[in-house]
Amino acid sequence: MKFSNMSCLPVALLVLSLAAVVGSVSAEPINLNTADVATLDQVLVGIGAEKAKAIVAYRQQHGPFKTVDELALVKGIGPKVIERNRANMRVDSVRPRSVPGKAADGTRPQREQPVRPPKGSAE
């Protein structure tokens, strides 16, 4: 049986497509506390752009994830998605961002009140 160059084209395209998919898988797990929407969308299986946006929004509102399993707190992400991606995810601690006018724990620092002499004193 002889193969023409044209009959090999679909096979070659399939091989190249598979290589592209395998090549896009991250060799190192991504940090859920620092990954951007594009990274979450590309690396995690079953996470599209909308769920990736939800992960980032949740993280911004509630602070960094302490465990990979906390990802289940994000609407639309369940245990199956977490298990499917567990090897590709990690959670590293991140230092809280400093917000002007707020302490690291999110509270407003108490301003030191000036000491004023009592009324009626001669100063």
Protein backbone atom coordinates (compact mmCIF):
# COMPACT_ATOMS: atom_id res chain seq x y z
CA MET A 1 0.00 0.00 0.00
CA LYS A 2 1.41 3.39 -1.01
CA PHE A 3 0.74 6.64 0.79
CA SER A 4 0.76 9.92 -1.01
CA ASN A 5 2.05 13.07 0.63
CA MET A 6 -1.51 14.40 0.80
CA SER A 7 -2.81 11.43 2.80
CA CYS A 8 -0.21 12.10 5.51
CA LEU A 9 -1.34 15.69 5.96
CA PRO A 10 -4.25 14.98 8.37
CA VAL A 11 -1.99 12.78 10.51
CA ALA A 12 0.71 15.44 10.60
CA LEU A 13 -1.83 18.08 11.63
CA LEU A 14 -3.13 15.83 14.40
CA VAL A 15 0.39 15.24 15.73
CA LEU A 16 1.14 18.97 15.70
CA SER A 17 -2.14 19.74 17.47
CA LEU A 18 -1.41 17.20 20.19
CA ALA A 19 2.10 18.57 20.62
CA ALA A 20 0.68 22.07 21.08
CA VAL A 21 -1.77 20.86 23.74
CA VAL A 22 0.87 18.89 25.63
CA GLY A 23 3.30 21.79 25.37
CA SER A 24 0.78 24.19 26.92
CA VAL A 25 0.54 22.17 30.14
CA SER A 26 2.56 23.85 32.84
CA ALA A 27 5.57 21.87 34.02
CA GLU A 28 5.35 23.56 37.41
CA PRO A 29 2.10 24.04 39.38
CA ILE A 30 0.64 27.54 39.30
CA ASN A 31 0.20 29.58 42.46
CA LEU A 32 -3.51 30.27 42.94
CA ASN A 33 -2.63 33.40 44.90
CA THR A 34 -0.65 35.09 42.14
CA ALA A 35 -1.89 33.60 38.85
CA ASP A 36 -3.69 35.99 36.52
CA VAL A 37 -6.88 35.26 34.58
CA ALA A 38 -5.02 34.19 31.41
CA THR A 39 -2.81 31.71 33.29
CA LEU A 40 -5.73 30.17 35.18
CA ASP A 41 -7.68 29.87 31.92
CA GLN A 42 -4.82 28.25 30.01
CA VAL A 43 -3.41 25.86 32.62
CA LEU A 44 -6.39 24.56 34.56
CA VAL A 45 -8.66 21.95 32.97
CA GLY A 46 -12.36 22.87 33.15
CA ILE A 47 -11.60 26.49 34.00
CA GLY A 48 -12.49 28.92 31.26
CA ALA A 49 -12.17 32.67 31.16
CA GLU A 50 -15.29 33.31 33.26
CA LYS A 51 -14.32 30.94 36.08
CA ALA A 52 -10.77 32.30 35.98
CA LYS A 53 -12.19 35.82 36.45
CA ALA A 54 -14.30 34.52 39.35
CA ILE A 55 -11.19 33.03 41.01
CA VAL A 56 -9.30 36.32 40.77
CA ALA A 57 -12.33 38.31 41.99
CA TYR A 58 -12.80 35.94 44.95
CA ARG A 59 -9.11 36.24 45.84
CA GLN A 60 -9.27 40.05 45.69
CA GLN A 61 -12.37 40.16 47.87
CA HIS A 62 -11.45 37.49 50.44
CA GLY A 63 -7.67 37.49 50.42
CA PRO A 64 -5.23 34.73 49.45
CA PHE A 65 -6.19 31.07 49.44
CA LYS A 66 -4.75 29.12 52.36
CA THR A 67 -5.28 25.71 50.71
CA VAL A 68 -6.02 24.42 47.22
CA ASP A 69 -9.32 23.03 48.54
CA GLU A 70 -10.53 26.58 49.33
CA LEU A 71 -10.95 26.98 45.57
CA ALA A 72 -14.29 25.19 46.06
CA LEU A 73 -15.56 28.38 47.73
CA VAL A 74 -15.56 30.05 44.31
CA LYS A 75 -18.98 29.76 42.68
CA GLY A 76 -19.00 27.20 39.87
CA ILE A 77 -15.91 25.28 41.01
CA GLY A 78 -16.46 21.92 42.62
CA PRO A 79 -14.40 19.06 44.01
CA LYS A 80 -14.11 17.30 40.64
CA VAL A 81 -12.43 20.31 39.04
CA ILE A 82 -10.10 20.64 42.02
CA GLU A 83 -9.12 16.95 41.91
CA ARG A 84 -8.58 17.06 38.14
CA ASN A 85 -6.19 20.00 38.57
CA ARG A 86 -4.64 19.31 41.97
CA ALA A 87 -1.21 18.46 40.52
CA ASN A 88 -1.17 21.76 38.59
CA MET A 89 -2.04 24.01 41.54
CA ARG A 90 -0.25 25.24 44.62
CA VAL A 91 -0.88 27.86 47.26
CA ASP A 92 2.06 29.95 48.40
CA SER A 93 1.59 32.59 51.02
CA VAL A 94 1.71 36.14 49.80
CA ARG A 95 2.37 39.23 51.83
CA PRO A 96 -0.71 41.39 52.26
CA ARG A 97 -0.68 44.46 50.09
CA SER A 98 -0.30 47.73 51.86
CA VAL A 99 -3.28 49.98 51.30
CA PRO A 100 -2.78 53.67 52.09
CA GLY A 101 -4.61 54.54 55.28
CA LYS A 102 -5.05 50.93 56.37
CA ALA A 103 -3.00 48.56 58.48
CA ALA A 104 -1.94 45.16 57.07
CA ASP A 105 -4.97 43.51 58.73
CA GLY A 106 -7.34 45.85 56.86
CA THR A 107 -8.22 48.06 59.82
CA ARG A 108 -7.60 51.76 59.97
CA PRO A 109 -4.75 52.68 62.29
CA GLN A 110 -5.69 54.82 65.28
CA ARG A 111 -4.37 58.32 65.00
CA GLU A 112 -2.63 59.70 67.97
CA GLN A 113 -4.77 62.48 69.41
CA PRO A 114 -2.98 65.70 70.38
CA VAL A 115 -2.85 66.33 74.09
CA ARG A 116 -4.82 69.44 74.90
CA PRO A 117 -4.78 71.20 78.21
CA PRO A 118 -8.06 71.08 80.13
CA LYS A 119 -10.39 74.04 79.69
CA GLY A 120 -9.78 76.84 82.07
CA SER A 121 -6.08 76.15 82.59
CA ALA A 122 -3.68 78.96 81.89
CA GLU A 123 -1.29 77.92 79.18
